[in-house]
Amino acid sequence: MKARYLVFFSYIGTKFRSAEKLWFKGDKNYPDPESIQGLIEIGLLKLKSINYPSLFLSSRTDGGVHAINTSAHFDLERCGTRIYEPENIVYELNKFLHKNETSIYIKKCLRVSDSFSARFNAVSRTYLYRLAVLKRDVTLPQTAIIASYIPIEEWKKCHFMRNLGFDIDRFKEGANYFVGYHDFTTFKKFDKLNEKKHNRRVIQSIEVRPGRPMVTSYTSSQDGVFDYWDIEIKGKAFVHNQIRRMMGTLISVAVGKIPPEEVKVMLQVPSKHSWHSFIQNCPPDGLYLCNVEYNPEDLVYNNEKSLPQEEAIEESDRD
């Protein structure tokens, strides 16, 4: 008997090349131990289902991006009329992932309708970008590098930068322009194969608030030299590299390289030519996928539910 499942899981993306499995051979699936998708598929193979347990991710994140709570669906087929119990799937997957010392943790598994899609049924996605800026009153020696002052607990988990006149109020002013329905072509990584695909997306909200370091009690007792900021962004879907490019743009606004109003111009004239070459695409270290939200009724098993609406097929999510 065949059944579809939805899993919620978290991971630290530092060691992974990407979330998605990047290669196939012919028409056959092959496990890819360097990706999140590939490792979970290898764990599912331990259940010895009749079919290959292809994993379909709700969000296609780049290598180095972390996830606090993300999701994926897959099908498992078993001989006879019995199905695999969700609790047993969680146990077997975590057993495999822990044994192989991966930084992936399965939180929950549900049986869902056969037409359910972890990607297209998602109603919103919430991302967090963690930024640490050198305090204004801190002056580093000329021979010092900023890496010497980064807490080791924060390695590859936050984006650290020098102050360079950083103004958080200018940052917030620029961020306000992103909220709403816009064409994000300017903020997409250029891909010739997908250059004609529409890049219109809705940013439901952006919240900029003071953050705090993820450090031990010993490190926190020392004098910190950074101000931490959490930037939370909520929307249904995002184009490739959109959030990291948005952050790079807002940092350029905060340090005075471009005025806040330039963000509005970059949105109103959606083109790769509207992108300023001096803006640096922020690294994936500070980016976290915090949550993928669904309508509660969609998570209740009902095999008579119709397929998701076709217009959702154009939605994509990758950063």
Protein backbone atom coordinates (compact mmCIF):
# COMPACT_ATOMS: atom_id res chain seq x y z
CA MET A 1 0.00 0.00 0.00
CA LYS A 2 1.24 3.46 -0.91
CA ALA A 3 1.04 6.50 1.39
CA ARG A 4 2.31 10.09 1.33
CA TYR A 5 4.06 11.62 4.32
CA LEU A 6 5.08 15.12 5.39
CA VAL A 7 8.12 15.55 7.65
CA PHE A 8 9.22 18.62 9.57
CA PHE A 9 12.94 18.85 10.29
CA SER A 10 15.80 21.18 11.16
CA TYR A 11 19.47 21.30 10.22
CA ILE A 12 22.70 23.27 10.38
CA GLY A 13 23.65 23.81 6.75
CA THR A 14 27.37 24.53 7.19
CA LYS A 15 28.60 21.12 6.00
CA PHE A 16 26.18 20.64 3.11
CA ARG A 17 26.70 21.57 -0.52
CA SER A 18 22.98 22.29 -0.92
CA ALA A 19 19.57 21.24 0.30
CA GLU A 20 18.55 19.74 -3.03
CA LYS A 21 20.10 16.70 -4.61
CA LEU A 22 21.96 18.07 -7.60
CA TRP A 23 22.62 15.07 -9.80
CA PHE A 24 20.96 12.02 -11.31
CA LYS A 25 22.13 9.29 -13.68
CA GLY A 26 19.73 8.67 -16.53
CA ASP A 27 16.22 8.08 -15.20
CA LYS A 28 17.42 6.46 -12.01
CA ASN A 29 17.73 8.08 -8.59
CA TYR A 30 21.04 7.88 -6.78
CA PRO A 31 21.60 8.94 -3.16
CA ASP A 32 23.61 12.14 -2.77
CA PRO A 33 25.28 12.20 0.69
CA GLU A 34 26.44 15.81 0.23
CA SER A 35 22.91 17.26 0.26
CA ILE A 36 20.10 17.42 2.82
CA GLN A 37 17.69 15.72 0.42
CA GLY A 38 20.13 12.94 -0.42
CA LEU A 39 20.93 12.11 3.20
CA ILE A 40 17.27 11.86 4.21
CA GLU A 41 16.58 9.66 1.17
CA ILE A 42 19.41 7.36 2.24
CA GLY A 43 17.78 7.12 5.68
CA LEU A 44 14.40 6.34 4.12
CA LEU A 45 15.96 3.55 2.08
CA LYS A 46 16.57 1.74 5.39
CA LEU A 47 12.79 1.20 5.59
CA LYS A 48 13.03 -0.97 2.43
CA SER A 49 9.95 0.39 0.67
CA ILE A 50 9.03 -0.94 -2.78
CA ASN A 51 9.52 2.48 -4.39
CA TYR A 52 12.49 4.83 -4.27
CA PRO A 53 11.60 7.38 -1.52
CA SER A 54 12.15 10.61 -3.47
CA LEU A 55 12.06 13.61 -1.15
CA PHE A 56 10.32 16.81 -2.32
CA LEU A 57 11.49 19.82 -0.32
CA SER A 58 9.19 22.70 0.57
CA SER A 59 12.06 25.20 0.15
CA ARG A 60 15.17 24.91 -2.00
CA THR A 61 17.92 26.54 0.03
CA ASP A 62 21.55 26.96 -1.01
CA GLY A 63 24.48 25.35 0.73
CA GLY A 64 25.34 26.97 4.07
CA VAL A 65 21.77 28.12 4.81
CA HIS A 66 20.31 26.75 8.07
CA ALA A 67 16.78 25.60 8.89
CA ILE A 68 15.03 25.80 12.24
CA ASN A 69 11.83 24.27 10.91
CA THR A 70 11.39 23.21 7.29
CA SER A 71 9.47 20.43 5.60
CA ALA A 72 9.33 17.91 2.76
CA HIS A 73 7.02 15.20 1.50
CA PHE A 74 7.66 11.71 0.12
CA ASP A 75 5.80 8.51 -0.80
CA LEU A 76 6.42 5.09 0.68
CA GLU A 77 4.93 1.90 -0.75
CA ARG A 78 4.68 -1.27 1.28
CA CYS A 79 3.50 -4.79 0.45
CA GLY A 80 0.00 -5.63 1.68
CA THR A 81 -2.56 -3.25 3.19
CA ARG A 82 -0.41 -1.80 5.97
CA ILE A 83 1.42 1.52 5.79
CA TYR A 84 4.54 2.72 7.57
CA GLU A 85 3.67 4.33 10.89
CA PRO A 86 4.77 8.01 11.07
CA GLU A 87 6.30 7.55 14.55
CA ASN A 88 8.44 4.68 13.27
CA ILE A 89 9.62 6.76 10.31
CA VAL A 90 10.79 9.51 12.69
CA TYR A 91 12.59 6.97 14.88
CA GLU A 92 14.37 5.22 12.00
CA LEU A 93 15.41 8.46 10.30
CA ASN A 94 16.80 10.04 13.47
CA LYS A 95 18.58 6.79 14.31
CA PHE A 96 20.31 6.83 10.91
CA LEU A 97 21.08 10.57 10.96
CA HIS A 98 22.48 10.44 14.51
CA LYS A 99 24.58 7.36 13.76
CA ASN A 100 26.13 9.11 10.78
CA GLU A 101 26.77 12.31 12.77
CA THR A 102 24.77 14.58 10.50
CA SER A 103 23.41 17.95 11.66
CA ILE A 104 19.84 17.04 10.64
CA TYR A 105 17.04 16.33 13.11
CA ILE A 106 13.55 15.01 12.17
CA LYS A 107 10.95 16.65 14.39
CA LYS A 108 7.61 15.24 13.23
CA CYS A 109 6.01 13.09 10.53
CA LEU A 110 2.38 13.12 9.35
CA ARG A 111 0.45 11.12 6.81
CA VAL A 112 -1.14 13.54 4.34
CA SER A 113 -3.41 13.30 1.30
CA ASP A 114 -1.92 11.79 -1.84
CA SER A 115 -2.23 15.14 -3.65
CA PHE A 116 -0.45 17.13 -0.93
CA SER A 117 2.69 19.05 -1.91
CA ALA A 118 5.10 20.33 0.72
CA ARG A 119 6.08 23.12 -1.67
CA PHE A 120 2.84 24.20 -3.34
CA ASN A 121 0.56 23.84 -0.30
CA ALA A 122 2.75 26.18 1.76
CA VAL A 123 0.95 29.45 2.51
CA SER A 124 4.02 31.30 3.79
CA ARG A 125 7.68 30.97 4.67
CA THR A 126 9.53 32.86 7.38
CA TYR A 127 13.26 33.56 7.11
CA LEU A 128 15.66 35.14 9.59
CA TYR A 129 18.94 36.84 8.75
CA ARG A 130 21.36 37.35 11.65
CA LEU A 131 23.73 40.30 11.36
CA ALA A 132 26.47 41.41 13.76
CA VAL A 133 28.01 44.88 13.37
CA LEU A 134 31.11 46.15 15.15
CA LYS A 135 30.08 48.69 17.80
CA ARG A 136 30.68 52.35 16.99
CA ASP A 137 32.91 52.96 20.03
CA VAL A 138 35.17 49.96 19.31
CA THR A 139 38.36 50.60 17.37
CA LEU A 140 40.34 47.58 16.28
CA PRO A 141 44.13 47.74 15.84
CA GLN A 142 45.30 48.31 12.28
CA THR A 143 46.82 44.82 12.16
CA ALA A 144 43.73 43.06 13.59
CA ILE A 145 41.24 41.11 11.50
CA ILE A 146 37.58 40.96 12.48
CA ALA A 147 37.63 37.15 12.59
CA SER A 148 39.80 37.32 15.71
CA TYR A 149 36.88 38.83 17.66
CA ILE A 150 34.09 36.53 16.47
CA PRO A 151 32.89 34.12 19.20
CA ILE A 152 33.79 30.57 18.16
CA GLU A 153 30.21 29.48 18.95
CA GLU A 154 29.01 31.78 16.17
CA TRP A 155 31.23 30.32 13.46
CA LYS A 156 29.23 30.11 10.21
CA LYS A 157 26.00 31.02 12.07
CA CYS A 158 25.93 34.82 11.70
CA HIS A 159 27.23 37.45 9.29
CA PHE A 160 29.85 39.66 10.99
CA MET A 161 30.97 43.00 9.57
CA ARG A 162 32.86 46.16 10.50
CA ASN A 163 30.82 49.23 11.30
CA LEU A 164 31.88 51.52 8.43
CA GLY A 165 29.29 54.08 9.56
CA PHE A 166 26.45 51.55 9.81
CA ASP A 167 23.10 53.26 10.53
CA ILE A 168 20.30 50.91 11.57
CA ASP A 169 17.63 53.59 10.97
CA ARG A 170 18.68 53.87 7.33
CA PHE A 171 18.62 50.06 7.15
CA LYS A 172 15.02 50.01 8.42
CA GLU A 173 13.97 52.79 6.05
CA GLY A 174 15.29 50.85 3.07
CA ALA A 175 13.65 47.63 4.30
CA ASN A 176 10.20 49.25 4.25
CA TYR A 177 10.32 49.50 0.45
CA PHE A 178 10.49 45.72 0.10
CA VAL A 179 7.14 45.08 1.81
CA GLY A 180 4.31 44.37 -0.64
CA TYR A 181 3.96 42.92 -4.14
CA HIS A 182 6.98 43.56 -6.35
CA ASP A 183 8.99 42.21 -9.26
CA PHE A 184 12.27 41.00 -7.71
CA THR A 185 14.18 40.46 -10.98
CA THR A 186 16.87 42.91 -9.81
CA PHE A 187 17.40 40.82 -6.67
CA LYS A 188 17.58 37.44 -8.37
CA LYS A 189 20.74 35.58 -9.24
CA PHE A 190 20.85 35.70 -13.03
CA ASP A 191 20.13 32.35 -14.64
CA LYS A 192 19.94 32.30 -18.43
CA LEU A 193 17.78 29.17 -18.41
CA ASN A 194 15.12 30.86 -16.27
CA GLU A 195 15.49 34.46 -17.42
CA LYS A 196 11.91 34.56 -18.82
CA LYS A 197 10.31 33.16 -15.68
CA HIS A 198 8.31 35.75 -13.78
CA ASN A 199 9.85 37.03 -10.54
CA ARG A 200 6.86 38.72 -8.90
CA ARG A 201 6.57 37.92 -5.21
CA VAL A 202 4.85 39.27 -2.09
CA ILE A 203 6.79 40.23 1.02
CA GLN A 204 4.21 40.12 3.80
CA SER A 205 6.41 41.68 6.47
CA ILE A 206 9.97 42.62 7.43
CA GLU A 207 10.85 43.12 11.09
CA VAL A 208 14.23 44.47 12.22
CA ARG A 209 14.94 43.98 15.92
CA PRO A 210 17.95 43.72 18.26
CA GLY A 211 19.39 40.22 18.40
CA ARG A 212 21.76 38.46 20.76
CA PRO A 213 24.77 36.18 20.39
CA MET A 214 24.42 32.40 20.63
CA VAL A 215 27.30 31.88 23.04
CA THR A 216 28.17 30.03 26.22
CA SER A 217 28.01 31.63 29.66
CA TYR A 218 31.81 31.94 29.63
CA THR A 219 31.89 33.93 26.38
CA SER A 220 28.92 36.10 27.39
CA SER A 221 30.81 37.21 30.52
CA GLN A 222 33.40 38.88 28.30
CA ASP A 223 33.00 42.30 26.74
CA GLY A 224 31.19 41.96 23.42
CA VAL A 225 32.35 44.14 20.54
CA PHE A 226 29.36 43.56 18.23
CA ASP A 227 25.77 44.76 18.04
CA TYR A 228 23.49 41.93 16.89
CA TRP A 229 20.44 42.40 14.66
CA ASP A 230 17.72 39.95 13.63
CA ILE A 231 15.95 40.62 10.34
CA GLU A 232 12.78 38.50 9.97
CA ILE A 233 11.21 38.28 6.51
CA LYS A 234 7.88 36.60 5.77
CA GLY A 235 6.45 35.79 2.34
CA LYS A 236 4.92 32.95 0.36
CA ALA A 237 7.90 32.35 -1.91
CA PHE A 238 11.22 33.90 -2.94
CA VAL A 239 13.39 33.93 -6.06
CA HIS A 240 16.92 32.54 -6.12
CA ASN A 241 19.26 34.48 -3.79
CA GLN A 242 16.56 37.12 -3.15
CA ILE A 243 16.99 37.46 0.61
CA ARG A 244 20.79 37.49 0.54
CA ARG A 245 20.73 40.17 -2.16
CA MET A 246 18.14 42.15 -0.23
CA MET A 247 20.42 42.05 2.83
CA GLY A 248 23.44 43.13 0.79
CA THR A 249 21.43 46.04 -0.58
CA LEU A 250 20.21 47.13 2.85
CA ILE A 251 23.75 47.00 4.24
CA SER A 252 24.84 49.29 1.38
CA VAL A 253 22.00 51.62 2.39
CA ALA A 254 23.01 51.47 6.06
CA VAL A 255 26.64 52.43 5.36
CA GLY A 256 25.67 55.25 2.97
CA LYS A 257 26.70 53.76 -0.38
CA ILE A 258 23.18 54.24 -1.76
CA PRO A 259 20.18 56.21 -0.45
CA PRO A 260 17.18 54.28 0.94
CA GLU A 261 15.07 55.51 -2.01
CA GLU A 262 17.31 53.57 -4.39
CA VAL A 263 15.67 50.34 -3.18
CA LYS A 264 12.37 51.64 -4.59
CA VAL A 265 14.05 52.36 -7.95
CA MET A 266 15.58 48.86 -8.09
CA LEU A 267 12.10 47.40 -7.59
CA GLN A 268 10.38 49.74 -10.07
CA VAL A 269 12.95 48.99 -12.79
CA PRO A 270 13.27 45.19 -12.45
CA SER A 271 16.38 44.22 -14.42
CA LYS A 272 19.80 42.72 -13.87
CA HIS A 273 21.09 46.10 -15.10
CA SER A 274 19.50 47.81 -12.07
CA TRP A 275 21.78 45.84 -9.75
CA HIS A 276 24.80 47.80 -8.50
CA SER A 277 27.99 45.80 -8.95
CA PHE A 278 29.52 47.12 -5.71
CA ILE A 279 26.73 45.55 -3.60
CA GLN A 280 27.95 42.33 -2.05
CA ASN A 281 25.65 39.32 -1.95
CA CYS A 282 25.50 38.41 1.76
CA PRO A 283 26.86 34.98 2.71
CA PRO A 284 24.48 32.12 3.61
CA ASP A 285 25.95 31.82 7.13
CA GLY A 286 23.44 34.19 8.72
CA LEU A 287 20.33 32.92 6.90
CA TYR A 288 17.80 30.65 8.63
CA LEU A 289 14.56 29.19 7.31
CA CYS A 290 12.49 29.51 10.49
CA ASN A 291 9.15 28.07 9.47
CA VAL A 292 6.98 26.82 6.62
CA GLU A 293 3.30 27.41 7.32
CA TYR A 294 0.30 25.39 6.05
CA ASN A 295 -3.44 25.59 6.46
CA PRO A 296 -4.28 23.17 9.33
CA GLU A 297 -6.97 21.43 7.25
CA ASP A 298 -4.39 20.55 4.60
CA LEU A 299 -2.45 18.53 7.18
CA VAL A 300 -5.44 16.25 7.88
CA TYR A 301 -5.36 13.05 5.83
CA ASN A 302 -8.12 13.06 3.21
CA ASN A 303 -7.40 11.12 0.03
CA GLU A 304 -10.33 12.69 -1.82
CA LYS A 305 -8.78 16.15 -1.82
CA SER A 306 -8.17 17.64 -5.25
CA LEU A 307 -4.76 18.58 -6.61
CA PRO A 308 -3.31 21.99 -5.69
CA GLN A 309 -4.30 24.83 -8.01
CA GLU A 310 -2.18 25.01 -11.16
CA GLU A 311 -1.26 28.65 -10.65
CA ALA A 312 0.85 27.59 -7.68
CA ILE A 313 3.20 25.76 -10.02
CA GLU A 314 4.96 29.02 -10.88
CA GLU A 315 5.85 29.72 -7.25
CA SER A 316 9.44 28.94 -6.32
CA ASP A 317 11.54 29.28 -3.22
CA ARG A 318 15.28 29.24 -3.10
CA ASP A 319 17.90 31.17 -1.22
